[in-house]
N, C-alpha and C. Protein backbone atom coordinates (compact mmCIF):
# COMPACT_ATOMS: atom_id res chain seq x y z
N MET A 1 10.53 16.46 -2.88
CA MET A 1 9.43 15.71 -2.40
C MET A 1 9.85 14.50 -1.72
N ASN A 2 9.37 14.20 -0.57
CA ASN A 2 9.90 13.00 0.34
C ASN A 2 8.78 11.94 0.39
N VAL A 3 9.10 10.69 -0.27
CA VAL A 3 8.06 9.59 -0.46
C VAL A 3 8.39 8.61 0.43
N VAL A 4 7.49 7.75 1.21
CA VAL A 4 7.76 6.77 1.97
C VAL A 4 6.94 5.59 1.30
N ILE A 5 7.64 4.35 1.22
CA ILE A 5 7.02 3.26 0.54
C ILE A 5 7.10 2.15 1.37
N THR A 6 6.07 1.48 1.91
CA THR A 6 6.20 0.19 2.69
C THR A 6 6.40 -1.09 1.65
N GLY A 7 7.03 -1.95 2.16
CA GLY A 7 7.20 -3.24 1.25
C GLY A 7 7.82 -2.88 0.00
N GLY A 8 9.04 -2.19 -0.15
CA GLY A 8 9.52 -1.83 -1.31
C GLY A 8 10.77 -2.56 -1.67
N ASN A 9 11.04 -3.81 -1.18
CA ASN A 9 12.12 -4.52 -1.54
C ASN A 9 11.87 -5.21 -2.65
N ARG A 10 10.68 -5.48 -3.31
CA ARG A 10 10.38 -6.21 -4.42
C ARG A 10 9.06 -5.65 -5.24
N GLY A 11 8.73 -6.38 -6.36
CA GLY A 11 7.52 -6.17 -6.96
C GLY A 11 7.02 -4.77 -7.19
N ILE A 12 5.63 -4.56 -6.79
CA ILE A 12 5.22 -3.25 -7.08
C ILE A 12 5.89 -2.01 -6.27
N GLY A 13 6.23 -2.32 -5.01
CA GLY A 13 6.93 -1.24 -4.20
C GLY A 13 8.30 -0.96 -4.66
N LEU A 14 8.99 -2.11 -5.28
CA LEU A 14 10.34 -1.59 -5.80
C LEU A 14 10.14 -0.84 -6.90
N ALA A 15 9.17 -1.11 -7.86
CA ALA A 15 8.85 -0.55 -9.36
C ALA A 15 8.48 0.96 -8.77
N LEU A 16 7.70 1.26 -7.84
CA LEU A 16 7.28 2.47 -7.37
C LEU A 16 8.47 3.34 -6.89
N ALA A 17 9.40 2.66 -6.11
CA ALA A 17 10.68 3.33 -5.57
C ALA A 17 11.46 3.92 -6.71
N LYS A 18 11.46 2.95 -7.68
CA LYS A 18 12.27 3.35 -8.90
C LYS A 18 11.73 4.63 -9.67
N GLN A 19 10.51 4.50 -9.76
CA GLN A 19 9.78 5.66 -10.64
C GLN A 19 9.86 6.95 -9.78
N TYR A 20 9.67 6.84 -8.46
CA TYR A 20 9.87 8.19 -7.73
C TYR A 20 11.29 8.58 -7.60
N LYS A 21 12.25 7.82 -7.41
CA LYS A 21 13.64 8.14 -7.52
C LYS A 21 14.08 8.69 -8.62
N ASP A 22 13.62 8.10 -9.85
CA ASP A 22 14.01 8.70 -11.24
C ASP A 22 13.37 10.15 -11.44
N SER A 23 12.21 10.32 -10.71
CA SER A 23 11.43 11.69 -10.88
C SER A 23 12.19 12.73 -10.03
N GLY A 24 13.16 12.32 -9.10
CA GLY A 24 13.92 13.19 -8.34
C GLY A 24 13.36 13.35 -7.03
N ALA A 25 12.44 12.50 -6.53
CA ALA A 25 11.92 12.31 -5.21
C ALA A 25 13.05 11.83 -4.20
N LYS A 26 13.02 12.23 -2.97
CA LYS A 26 13.78 11.48 -2.00
C LYS A 26 13.01 10.24 -1.53
N VAL A 27 13.32 9.14 -1.76
CA VAL A 27 12.61 7.83 -1.37
C VAL A 27 13.02 7.12 -0.07
N TYR A 28 12.14 6.98 0.68
CA TYR A 28 12.40 6.12 2.04
C TYR A 28 11.68 4.63 1.67
N VAL A 29 12.47 3.54 1.82
CA VAL A 29 11.69 2.27 1.60
C VAL A 29 11.67 1.61 2.93
N THR A 30 10.69 1.14 3.55
CA THR A 30 10.52 0.26 4.54
C THR A 30 10.31 -1.26 4.20
N CYS A 31 10.98 -2.09 4.81
CA CYS A 31 10.84 -3.49 4.56
C CYS A 31 11.28 -4.46 5.67
N ARG A 32 10.89 -5.55 5.78
CA ARG A 32 11.63 -6.49 6.64
C ARG A 32 12.83 -6.99 6.54
N ASN A 33 13.08 -7.14 5.15
CA ASN A 33 14.54 -7.46 4.63
C ASN A 33 14.85 -6.76 3.29
N SER A 34 15.81 -6.22 3.00
CA SER A 34 16.25 -5.55 1.74
C SER A 34 16.41 -6.56 0.76
N SER A 35 16.82 -6.16 -0.60
CA SER A 35 16.96 -7.06 -1.59
C SER A 35 18.31 -6.57 -2.43
N ASP A 36 18.96 -7.16 -3.24
CA ASP A 36 19.91 -6.69 -4.03
C ASP A 36 19.56 -5.51 -4.91
N GLU A 37 18.50 -5.71 -5.49
CA GLU A 37 17.99 -4.79 -6.39
C GLU A 37 17.81 -3.36 -5.75
N LEU A 38 17.11 -3.55 -4.45
CA LEU A 38 16.82 -2.27 -3.73
C LEU A 38 18.13 -1.67 -3.22
N ASN A 39 18.95 -2.53 -2.73
CA ASN A 39 20.44 -2.04 -2.25
C ASN A 39 21.15 -1.21 -3.38
N THR A 40 20.85 -1.43 -4.60
CA THR A 40 21.59 -0.64 -5.57
C THR A 40 20.87 0.52 -6.21
N LEU A 41 19.80 0.84 -5.55
CA LEU A 41 18.65 1.86 -6.13
C LEU A 41 19.15 3.23 -5.71
N GLY A 42 19.82 3.37 -4.69
CA GLY A 42 20.15 4.57 -4.17
C GLY A 42 19.12 5.29 -3.39
N VAL A 43 18.21 4.67 -2.76
CA VAL A 43 17.21 5.40 -1.84
C VAL A 43 17.42 5.03 -0.41
N ASN A 44 16.66 5.64 0.59
CA ASN A 44 16.98 5.37 2.05
C ASN A 44 16.36 3.99 2.28
N ILE A 45 16.99 3.17 2.98
CA ILE A 45 16.39 1.80 3.19
C ILE A 45 16.23 1.69 4.86
N ILE A 46 15.04 1.35 5.33
CA ILE A 46 14.85 1.10 6.63
C ILE A 46 14.36 -0.47 6.62
N THR A 47 15.28 -1.35 7.26
CA THR A 47 14.90 -2.80 7.38
C THR A 47 14.37 -2.98 8.86
N GLY A 48 13.96 -4.28 9.03
CA GLY A 48 13.28 -4.62 10.25
C GLY A 48 11.92 -4.02 10.50
N VAL A 49 11.28 -3.69 9.42
CA VAL A 49 9.93 -3.12 9.69
C VAL A 49 8.77 -4.16 9.22
N ASP A 50 8.19 -4.74 10.26
CA ASP A 50 7.10 -5.65 9.75
C ASP A 50 5.84 -5.27 10.37
N VAL A 51 4.95 -4.81 9.30
CA VAL A 51 3.65 -4.09 9.63
C VAL A 51 2.79 -5.04 10.33
N SER A 52 3.06 -6.38 10.49
CA SER A 52 2.15 -7.21 11.21
C SER A 52 2.40 -7.14 12.65
N GLN A 53 3.47 -6.36 13.11
CA GLN A 53 4.01 -6.37 14.51
C GLN A 53 3.78 -4.95 15.24
N PRO A 54 2.67 -4.73 15.56
CA PRO A 54 2.28 -3.22 16.03
C PRO A 54 3.04 -2.79 17.01
N GLU A 55 3.53 -3.60 17.98
CA GLU A 55 4.25 -3.20 19.28
C GLU A 55 5.84 -2.76 18.69
N THR A 56 6.09 -2.98 17.45
CA THR A 56 7.60 -2.76 17.21
C THR A 56 7.49 -1.46 16.26
N LEU A 57 6.32 -1.24 15.75
CA LEU A 57 6.36 -0.07 14.64
C LEU A 57 6.79 1.23 15.04
N GLY A 58 6.57 1.61 16.30
CA GLY A 58 6.81 2.88 16.70
C GLY A 58 8.44 3.23 16.67
N ASP A 59 9.22 2.10 17.25
CA ASP A 59 10.68 2.16 17.18
C ASP A 59 11.06 1.99 15.88
N ARG A 60 10.75 1.16 15.17
CA ARG A 60 11.27 0.78 13.73
C ARG A 60 10.94 2.11 12.74
N LEU A 61 10.04 2.85 12.91
CA LEU A 61 9.72 3.92 12.12
C LEU A 61 10.15 5.15 12.73
N ALA A 62 10.77 5.21 13.81
CA ALA A 62 11.15 6.52 14.51
C ALA A 62 11.83 7.44 13.78
N SER A 63 12.97 6.97 12.95
CA SER A 63 13.61 7.80 12.16
C SER A 63 12.92 8.75 11.24
N LEU A 64 11.76 8.21 10.72
CA LEU A 64 10.84 8.96 9.75
C LEU A 64 10.07 9.95 10.35
N LEU A 65 10.04 10.11 11.63
CA LEU A 65 9.47 11.23 12.29
C LEU A 65 10.24 12.60 12.22
N ASP A 66 11.44 12.42 11.60
CA ASP A 66 12.14 13.67 11.54
C ASP A 66 12.28 13.87 9.90
N VAL A 67 11.32 13.29 9.14
CA VAL A 67 11.19 13.41 7.79
C VAL A 67 9.89 14.22 7.42
N GLU A 68 9.75 15.36 6.67
CA GLU A 68 8.50 15.76 6.32
C GLU A 68 8.02 15.18 5.14
N ILE A 69 6.98 14.15 5.60
CA ILE A 69 6.43 13.22 4.55
C ILE A 69 5.52 13.82 3.57
N ASP A 70 5.67 14.08 2.33
CA ASP A 70 4.85 14.45 1.46
C ASP A 70 3.83 13.29 0.71
N LEU A 71 4.43 12.16 0.71
CA LEU A 71 3.47 10.90 0.15
C LEU A 71 3.95 9.70 0.97
N LEU A 72 2.97 9.11 1.55
CA LEU A 72 3.20 7.76 2.19
C LEU A 72 2.32 6.73 1.29
N ILE A 73 3.19 5.81 0.90
CA ILE A 73 2.44 4.68 -0.08
C ILE A 73 2.49 3.29 0.87
N ASN A 74 1.25 2.93 1.40
CA ASN A 74 1.12 1.69 2.15
C ASN A 74 1.03 0.48 1.01
N ASN A 75 2.18 -0.02 0.82
CA ASN A 75 2.11 -1.09 -0.12
C ASN A 75 2.32 -2.49 0.26
N ALA A 76 2.96 -2.67 1.36
CA ALA A 76 3.18 -4.00 2.00
C ALA A 76 2.10 -4.84 1.88
N GLY A 77 2.12 -6.10 1.58
CA GLY A 77 0.83 -6.99 1.52
C GLY A 77 1.24 -8.40 1.25
N VAL A 78 0.17 -9.22 1.74
CA VAL A 78 0.49 -10.58 1.51
C VAL A 78 -0.98 -11.35 0.93
N LEU A 79 -0.54 -12.50 0.28
CA LEU A 79 -1.82 -13.07 -0.41
C LEU A 79 -1.80 -14.56 0.12
N GLY A 80 -2.91 -15.06 0.60
CA GLY A 80 -3.11 -16.45 1.02
C GLY A 80 -4.22 -16.82 0.00
N ARG A 81 -4.46 -18.26 0.07
CA ARG A 81 -5.54 -18.73 -1.09
C ARG A 81 -6.37 -19.87 -0.41
N GLU A 82 -7.03 -19.20 0.56
CA GLU A 82 -7.95 -20.18 1.36
C GLU A 82 -9.16 -20.52 0.49
N SER A 83 -9.64 -21.67 0.72
CA SER A 83 -10.95 -21.88 0.04
C SER A 83 -12.05 -22.28 1.01
N ILE A 84 -13.12 -22.59 0.79
CA ILE A 84 -14.23 -23.01 1.78
C ILE A 84 -13.90 -24.27 2.48
N ASP A 85 -13.08 -25.20 1.76
CA ASP A 85 -12.80 -26.39 2.10
C ASP A 85 -11.35 -26.38 2.76
N ASP A 86 -10.68 -25.72 2.39
CA ASP A 86 -9.28 -25.65 2.90
C ASP A 86 -8.90 -24.26 3.22
N TRP A 87 -8.77 -24.10 4.65
CA TRP A 87 -8.38 -22.84 5.08
C TRP A 87 -7.75 -23.02 6.54
N ASP A 88 -7.12 -21.92 6.96
CA ASP A 88 -6.29 -21.87 8.22
C ASP A 88 -6.55 -20.48 8.80
N PRO A 89 -7.16 -20.55 10.13
CA PRO A 89 -7.36 -19.20 10.67
C PRO A 89 -6.19 -18.52 10.90
N HIS A 90 -4.98 -19.05 11.00
CA HIS A 90 -3.74 -18.35 11.17
C HIS A 90 -3.35 -17.47 9.91
N THR A 91 -3.58 -18.16 8.87
CA THR A 91 -3.11 -17.39 7.70
C THR A 91 -4.05 -16.26 7.43
N ILE A 92 -5.28 -16.47 7.80
CA ILE A 92 -6.45 -15.46 7.72
C ILE A 92 -6.08 -14.24 8.62
N ASP A 93 -5.77 -14.70 9.78
CA ASP A 93 -5.38 -13.46 10.90
C ASP A 93 -4.11 -12.76 10.34
N TYR A 94 -3.15 -13.39 9.79
CA TYR A 94 -1.91 -12.84 9.35
C TYR A 94 -2.33 -11.76 8.13
N GLN A 95 -2.88 -12.21 7.25
CA GLN A 95 -3.34 -11.18 6.27
C GLN A 95 -4.31 -10.12 6.78
N PHE A 96 -5.10 -10.19 7.69
CA PHE A 96 -5.62 -8.96 8.49
C PHE A 96 -4.64 -8.15 8.90
N ARG A 97 -3.56 -8.79 9.55
CA ARG A 97 -2.53 -7.81 10.37
C ARG A 97 -1.78 -7.20 9.24
N VAL A 98 -1.42 -7.79 8.30
CA VAL A 98 -0.54 -7.02 7.21
C VAL A 98 -1.41 -6.13 6.28
N ASN A 99 -2.44 -6.75 5.73
CA ASN A 99 -3.04 -5.88 4.68
C ASN A 99 -4.12 -4.93 5.22
N ALA A 100 -4.73 -5.03 6.37
CA ALA A 100 -5.81 -4.08 6.87
C ALA A 100 -5.08 -3.32 8.00
N MET A 101 -4.73 -3.97 9.10
CA MET A 101 -4.17 -3.25 10.32
C MET A 101 -2.75 -2.51 10.09
N GLY A 102 -1.80 -3.13 9.21
CA GLY A 102 -0.71 -2.62 8.94
C GLY A 102 -0.45 -1.17 8.25
N PRO A 103 -1.43 -1.01 7.36
CA PRO A 103 -1.47 0.31 6.72
C PRO A 103 -2.06 1.50 7.48
N LEU A 104 -3.13 0.98 8.34
CA LEU A 104 -3.67 1.85 9.24
C LEU A 104 -2.85 2.35 10.48
N LEU A 105 -1.89 1.42 10.95
CA LEU A 105 -1.00 1.57 12.10
C LEU A 105 0.10 2.41 11.52
N VAL A 106 0.72 2.01 10.38
CA VAL A 106 1.81 2.88 9.76
C VAL A 106 1.38 4.45 9.73
N SER A 107 0.12 4.62 9.16
CA SER A 107 -0.11 5.82 9.01
C SER A 107 -0.37 6.59 10.19
N GLN A 108 -0.92 5.77 11.19
CA GLN A 108 -1.02 6.61 12.45
C GLN A 108 0.25 7.06 13.12
N VAL A 109 1.43 6.14 12.94
CA VAL A 109 2.66 6.32 13.57
C VAL A 109 3.24 7.50 12.80
N LEU A 110 2.91 7.76 11.47
CA LEU A 110 3.71 8.62 10.72
C LEU A 110 3.01 9.83 10.49
N LEU A 111 1.84 10.00 11.12
CA LEU A 111 0.83 11.04 10.95
C LEU A 111 1.65 12.42 11.46
N PRO A 112 2.27 12.35 12.49
CA PRO A 112 2.96 13.67 12.90
C PRO A 112 3.90 14.31 11.93
N SER A 113 4.46 13.52 11.05
CA SER A 113 5.35 13.99 10.04
C SER A 113 4.69 14.28 8.79
N MET A 114 3.33 14.44 8.82
CA MET A 114 2.70 14.69 7.58
C MET A 114 1.76 16.13 7.74
N SER A 115 1.44 16.83 6.69
CA SER A 115 0.94 18.13 6.98
C SER A 115 0.01 18.61 5.84
N LYS A 116 -0.51 19.53 5.67
CA LYS A 116 -1.46 20.03 4.68
C LYS A 116 -0.67 19.73 3.27
N SER A 117 -1.55 19.14 2.55
CA SER A 117 -1.03 18.51 1.15
C SER A 117 -0.32 17.58 1.03
N SER A 118 -0.14 16.75 2.13
CA SER A 118 0.45 15.45 2.20
C SER A 118 -0.76 14.60 1.58
N LYS A 119 -0.17 13.27 1.20
CA LYS A 119 -0.91 12.26 0.51
C LYS A 119 -0.63 11.00 1.23
N ILE A 120 -1.73 10.13 1.38
CA ILE A 120 -1.59 8.55 1.85
C ILE A 120 -2.21 7.86 0.65
N ALA A 121 -1.50 6.92 0.08
CA ALA A 121 -2.08 6.10 -0.78
C ALA A 121 -2.04 4.62 -0.28
N LEU A 122 -3.20 3.94 -0.35
CA LEU A 122 -3.38 2.56 0.27
C LEU A 122 -3.50 1.52 -1.16
N ILE A 123 -2.53 0.77 -1.30
CA ILE A 123 -2.41 -0.25 -2.31
C ILE A 123 -3.38 -1.31 -1.93
N SER A 124 -4.65 -1.34 -2.45
CA SER A 124 -5.64 -2.47 -2.04
C SER A 124 -5.78 -3.47 -3.24
N SER A 125 -6.76 -3.99 -3.52
CA SER A 125 -7.26 -4.86 -4.63
C SER A 125 -8.69 -4.94 -4.87
N ARG A 126 -9.05 -5.23 -6.05
CA ARG A 126 -10.46 -5.08 -6.43
C ARG A 126 -10.93 -6.48 -5.72
N MET A 127 -10.14 -7.52 -5.22
CA MET A 127 -10.73 -8.46 -4.66
C MET A 127 -11.24 -8.29 -3.32
N GLY A 128 -11.08 -6.92 -2.86
CA GLY A 128 -11.94 -6.54 -1.70
C GLY A 128 -13.18 -5.97 -1.89
N SER A 129 -13.68 -6.11 -3.16
CA SER A 129 -14.85 -5.52 -3.60
C SER A 129 -16.06 -6.54 -3.54
N MET A 130 -16.87 -6.31 -2.82
CA MET A 130 -18.22 -7.09 -2.78
C MET A 130 -19.07 -7.20 -4.26
N GLU A 131 -19.26 -6.13 -4.70
CA GLU A 131 -19.65 -6.15 -5.99
C GLU A 131 -18.98 -6.96 -7.19
N ASP A 132 -17.70 -6.84 -7.12
CA ASP A 132 -16.85 -7.54 -8.08
C ASP A 132 -16.68 -9.02 -7.97
N ASN A 133 -17.09 -9.54 -6.57
CA ASN A 133 -16.60 -10.70 -6.39
C ASN A 133 -17.70 -11.88 -7.10
N GLY A 134 -17.22 -12.40 -8.25
CA GLY A 134 -17.88 -13.27 -8.95
C GLY A 134 -17.46 -14.80 -8.74
N SER A 135 -16.43 -14.96 -7.96
CA SER A 135 -15.70 -16.16 -8.02
C SER A 135 -15.54 -16.90 -6.88
N GLY A 136 -15.70 -16.17 -5.64
CA GLY A 136 -15.35 -16.74 -4.25
C GLY A 136 -13.99 -17.02 -3.89
N GLY A 137 -13.89 -17.74 -2.86
CA GLY A 137 -12.54 -18.18 -2.48
C GLY A 137 -11.68 -16.79 -1.88
N TYR A 138 -10.36 -17.37 -1.63
CA TYR A 138 -9.49 -16.35 -1.22
C TYR A 138 -9.92 -15.55 0.17
N TYR A 139 -10.40 -16.31 0.86
CA TYR A 139 -11.14 -15.67 2.16
C TYR A 139 -10.24 -14.48 2.91
N GLY A 140 -9.19 -14.98 3.35
CA GLY A 140 -8.35 -14.06 4.12
C GLY A 140 -8.01 -12.66 3.16
N TYR A 141 -7.69 -12.96 2.08
CA TYR A 141 -7.19 -11.67 1.15
C TYR A 141 -8.44 -10.78 0.83
N ARG A 142 -9.50 -11.36 0.51
CA ARG A 142 -10.66 -10.72 0.19
C ARG A 142 -11.28 -9.89 1.32
N MET A 143 -11.16 -10.42 2.56
CA MET A 143 -11.70 -9.89 3.63
C MET A 143 -10.77 -8.97 4.28
N SER A 144 -9.47 -9.06 4.18
CA SER A 144 -8.53 -8.06 4.70
C SER A 144 -8.41 -6.84 3.87
N LYS A 145 -8.60 -7.11 2.47
CA LYS A 145 -8.48 -5.92 1.52
C LYS A 145 -10.12 -5.09 1.64
N ALA A 146 -11.08 -5.74 1.90
CA ALA A 146 -12.30 -5.00 2.13
C ALA A 146 -12.22 -4.32 3.44
N ALA A 147 -11.60 -4.76 4.49
CA ALA A 147 -11.34 -4.07 5.67
C ALA A 147 -10.41 -2.86 5.56
N LEU A 148 -9.24 -3.11 4.57
CA LEU A 148 -8.40 -1.90 4.33
C LEU A 148 -9.22 -0.83 3.47
N ASN A 149 -10.17 -1.26 2.62
CA ASN A 149 -10.93 -0.39 1.96
C ASN A 149 -11.83 0.67 2.73
N ALA A 150 -12.23 -0.08 3.90
CA ALA A 150 -13.15 0.50 4.98
C ALA A 150 -12.29 1.52 5.82
N ALA A 151 -11.14 1.01 6.12
CA ALA A 151 -10.23 2.04 6.71
C ALA A 151 -9.84 3.32 5.93
N GLY A 152 -9.76 3.04 4.55
CA GLY A 152 -9.31 4.10 3.65
C GLY A 152 -10.38 5.12 3.61
N VAL A 153 -11.77 4.83 3.68
CA VAL A 153 -12.67 5.86 3.43
C VAL A 153 -12.78 6.60 4.92
N SER A 154 -12.65 5.73 5.86
CA SER A 154 -12.55 6.55 7.24
C SER A 154 -11.44 7.49 7.23
N MET A 155 -10.29 7.02 6.91
CA MET A 155 -9.04 7.86 6.98
C MET A 155 -9.18 9.16 5.95
N ALA A 156 -9.94 8.92 4.90
CA ALA A 156 -10.05 10.05 3.93
C ALA A 156 -10.98 11.09 4.65
N ASN A 157 -12.04 10.61 5.29
CA ASN A 157 -12.91 11.46 5.95
C ASN A 157 -12.21 12.15 7.36
N ASP A 158 -11.57 11.33 7.95
CA ASP A 158 -10.80 12.06 9.08
C ASP A 158 -9.83 13.06 8.89
N LEU A 159 -9.17 12.75 7.62
CA LEU A 159 -7.80 13.49 7.34
C LEU A 159 -8.13 14.61 6.46
N ARG A 160 -9.22 14.71 5.77
CA ARG A 160 -9.59 15.74 4.95
C ARG A 160 -9.48 17.19 5.41
N PRO A 161 -10.12 17.36 6.73
CA PRO A 161 -9.92 18.53 7.44
C PRO A 161 -8.47 19.10 7.77
N LYS A 162 -7.53 18.05 7.93
CA LYS A 162 -6.15 18.45 8.03
C LYS A 162 -5.51 18.64 6.64
N GLY A 163 -6.18 18.58 5.62
CA GLY A 163 -5.67 18.86 4.30
C GLY A 163 -4.72 17.88 3.71
N ILE A 164 -4.98 16.48 4.22
CA ILE A 164 -4.33 15.26 3.84
C ILE A 164 -5.28 14.50 3.16
N ALA A 165 -4.89 14.20 1.68
CA ALA A 165 -5.81 13.38 0.93
C ALA A 165 -5.50 11.73 0.85
N VAL A 166 -6.33 11.03 1.12
CA VAL A 166 -6.21 9.68 1.15
C VAL A 166 -6.94 8.94 0.03
N GLY A 167 -6.13 8.13 -0.75
CA GLY A 167 -6.75 7.26 -1.89
C GLY A 167 -6.50 5.91 -1.60
N VAL A 168 -7.45 5.09 -2.27
CA VAL A 168 -7.40 3.62 -2.11
C VAL A 168 -7.14 3.13 -3.67
N PHE A 169 -6.25 2.45 -4.11
CA PHE A 169 -5.84 2.12 -5.28
C PHE A 169 -5.87 0.51 -5.62
N HIS A 170 -6.31 0.12 -6.78
CA HIS A 170 -6.01 -1.18 -7.03
C HIS A 170 -5.01 -1.15 -8.28
N PRO A 171 -4.01 -1.98 -8.09
CA PRO A 171 -2.85 -1.81 -9.10
C PRO A 171 -3.08 -2.62 -10.49
N GLY A 172 -4.00 -3.36 -10.53
CA GLY A 172 -4.20 -4.22 -11.66
C GLY A 172 -3.71 -5.59 -11.37
N PHE A 173 -3.71 -6.54 -12.33
CA PHE A 173 -3.39 -7.91 -12.25
C PHE A 173 -1.82 -7.84 -12.65
N VAL A 174 -1.00 -7.74 -11.75
CA VAL A 174 0.47 -7.46 -11.90
C VAL A 174 1.26 -8.80 -11.78
N GLN A 175 2.22 -8.94 -12.60
CA GLN A 175 3.20 -10.02 -12.73
C GLN A 175 4.26 -9.78 -11.67
N THR A 176 3.89 -10.35 -10.49
CA THR A 176 4.79 -10.29 -9.24
C THR A 176 4.97 -11.67 -8.73
N GLU A 177 5.96 -11.78 -7.79
CA GLU A 177 6.01 -13.19 -7.19
C GLU A 177 5.01 -13.56 -6.28
N MET A 178 4.05 -12.45 -5.90
CA MET A 178 2.86 -12.92 -5.13
C MET A 178 1.95 -13.77 -5.97
N VAL A 179 2.05 -13.70 -6.98
CA VAL A 179 0.97 -14.26 -8.02
C VAL A 179 1.82 -15.23 -8.87
N ASN A 180 2.96 -15.55 -8.69
CA ASN A 180 3.82 -16.53 -9.23
C ASN A 180 4.02 -16.19 -10.70
N GLY A 181 4.15 -14.81 -10.99
CA GLY A 181 4.46 -14.33 -12.23
C GLY A 181 3.33 -14.12 -13.23
N ALA A 182 2.26 -14.62 -12.76
CA ALA A 182 0.86 -14.39 -13.54
C ALA A 182 0.67 -12.88 -13.51
N GLY A 183 -0.36 -12.59 -14.58
CA GLY A 183 -0.64 -11.09 -14.66
C GLY A 183 -0.79 -10.62 -16.04
N ASP A 184 -1.39 -9.46 -16.26
CA ASP A 184 -1.50 -8.98 -17.50
C ASP A 184 -0.65 -7.59 -17.64
N ILE A 185 0.03 -7.19 -16.72
CA ILE A 185 0.89 -6.05 -16.99
C ILE A 185 2.18 -6.10 -15.91
N ASP A 186 3.20 -5.69 -16.25
CA ASP A 186 4.43 -5.65 -15.64
C ASP A 186 4.45 -4.77 -14.43
N THR A 187 5.39 -4.83 -13.50
CA THR A 187 5.49 -4.01 -12.51
C THR A 187 5.85 -2.49 -12.75
N ASP A 188 6.52 -2.33 -13.78
CA ASP A 188 6.98 -0.90 -14.25
C ASP A 188 5.79 -0.21 -14.89
N THR A 189 4.86 -0.96 -15.63
CA THR A 189 3.74 -0.30 -16.17
C THR A 189 2.71 -0.16 -15.04
N CYS A 190 2.69 -0.85 -14.19
CA CYS A 190 1.88 -0.79 -12.91
C CYS A 190 2.19 0.55 -12.17
N ALA A 191 3.59 0.68 -11.86
CA ALA A 191 4.09 1.74 -11.05
C ALA A 191 3.70 3.07 -11.83
N GLU A 192 3.80 3.06 -13.18
CA GLU A 192 3.56 4.35 -13.97
C GLU A 192 2.08 4.59 -13.89
N ARG A 193 1.22 3.70 -13.96
CA ARG A 193 -0.20 4.22 -13.69
C ARG A 193 -0.49 4.54 -12.22
N LEU A 194 0.09 3.75 -11.38
CA LEU A 194 -0.31 4.36 -9.95
C LEU A 194 0.48 5.79 -9.64
N VAL A 195 1.47 6.01 -10.06
CA VAL A 195 1.96 7.47 -10.03
C VAL A 195 1.19 8.32 -10.56
N ALA A 196 0.58 8.03 -11.70
CA ALA A 196 -0.38 8.89 -12.19
C ALA A 196 -1.67 9.24 -11.58
N ARG A 197 -2.26 8.00 -10.92
CA ARG A 197 -3.34 8.25 -10.31
C ARG A 197 -3.17 8.91 -8.88
N ILE A 198 -1.94 8.64 -8.46
CA ILE A 198 -1.58 9.36 -6.93
C ILE A 198 -1.51 10.84 -7.28
N ASP A 199 -0.78 11.24 -8.49
CA ASP A 199 -0.87 12.57 -8.82
C ASP A 199 -1.88 13.30 -8.96
N GLU A 200 -3.05 12.62 -9.37
CA GLU A 200 -4.54 12.93 -9.56
C GLU A 200 -5.29 13.11 -8.19
N LEU A 201 -4.59 12.46 -7.08
CA LEU A 201 -5.46 12.48 -5.94
C LEU A 201 -5.30 13.88 -5.11
N ASN A 202 -6.63 14.21 -4.86
CA ASN A 202 -6.93 15.49 -4.11
C ASN A 202 -7.88 15.30 -3.08
N LEU A 203 -8.06 16.49 -2.33
CA LEU A 203 -9.19 16.40 -1.32
C LEU A 203 -10.51 16.11 -1.68
N GLU A 204 -10.83 16.43 -2.98
CA GLU A 204 -12.14 16.50 -3.60
C GLU A 204 -12.21 14.92 -4.20
N ASN A 205 -11.37 14.24 -4.30
CA ASN A 205 -11.69 12.74 -4.91
C ASN A 205 -11.14 11.81 -3.98
N ALA A 206 -10.65 12.22 -2.77
CA ALA A 206 -10.08 11.31 -1.68
C ALA A 206 -11.18 10.42 -1.32
N GLY A 207 -10.90 9.16 -0.81
CA GLY A 207 -11.75 8.24 -0.43
C GLY A 207 -12.31 7.28 -1.49
N ARG A 208 -11.96 7.37 -2.64
CA ARG A 208 -12.57 6.67 -3.84
C ARG A 208 -11.55 5.43 -4.01
N PHE A 209 -12.29 4.37 -4.67
CA PHE A 209 -11.54 3.20 -5.04
C PHE A 209 -11.10 3.06 -6.32
N ILE A 210 -10.16 3.36 -6.84
CA ILE A 210 -9.52 3.73 -8.19
C ILE A 210 -8.70 2.49 -8.69
N HIS A 211 -8.94 2.07 -9.91
CA HIS A 211 -8.07 1.18 -10.53
C HIS A 211 -6.93 1.93 -11.07
N SER A 212 -5.71 1.36 -11.20
CA SER A 212 -4.62 2.17 -11.73
C SER A 212 -4.69 2.49 -13.21
N ASN A 213 -5.69 1.92 -13.84
CA ASN A 213 -6.11 2.43 -15.32
C ASN A 213 -6.85 3.78 -15.14
N GLY A 214 -7.36 4.12 -14.11
CA GLY A 214 -8.27 5.32 -14.01
C GLY A 214 -9.74 5.05 -13.69
N ASP A 215 -10.30 3.81 -13.90
CA ASP A 215 -11.60 3.52 -13.62
C ASP A 215 -11.91 3.41 -12.20
N GLU A 216 -12.95 3.97 -11.84
CA GLU A 216 -13.53 3.84 -10.27
C GLU A 216 -14.10 2.56 -10.18
N LEU A 217 -13.84 1.88 -9.21
CA LEU A 217 -14.33 0.50 -8.79
C LEU A 217 -15.52 0.55 -7.68
N PRO A 218 -16.29 -0.46 -7.81
CA PRO A 218 -17.33 -0.45 -6.77
C PRO A 218 -16.76 -1.18 -5.64
N TRP A 219 -17.67 -0.65 -4.60
CA TRP A 219 -17.16 -1.22 -3.17
C TRP A 219 -17.58 -2.74 -3.00
């Protein structure tokens, strides 16, 4: 099994790389810069991949076009903290480029390496849910994850006839650097849950918004 994970140098992506490596999969990790922990993991590392730069993705991901990809996990993401009174259009734009456009563009570039029974997992957030938003704020993150969710549904519909299942997943509130170590589950627990949910992904349940604990989330 060949697994490609974006943003796998730390946090959830690194934990997923460990899980799949330990299961016997051949793992390819893309990132802007590697990390000491990733370097010792024994996976294939492709550095210099910035999903916010569409003009470079074709070249940076070219080596993966020779790989038969069974699973693509679009994990790379960024979090801003804009409020109604304190915001920056540049940080909002950057979150859209990384969180929404990035996964779509990576999937488009790597689609020739995917075939019937391949899967694409989009790591989203329940903060992109309209119905679940009871606190406001986080404008760039919420909007970019909502856009990712919309892309995920379209991708699921477009790729179902090709036999490729696309799932949208909320990892949970995870103890990562992105949230300064806050959270109620660690990265290993999150990765275990996500692996289980991705294993359950098929053409029939593709396009749904699923919590890593198995609950279906509202849009």
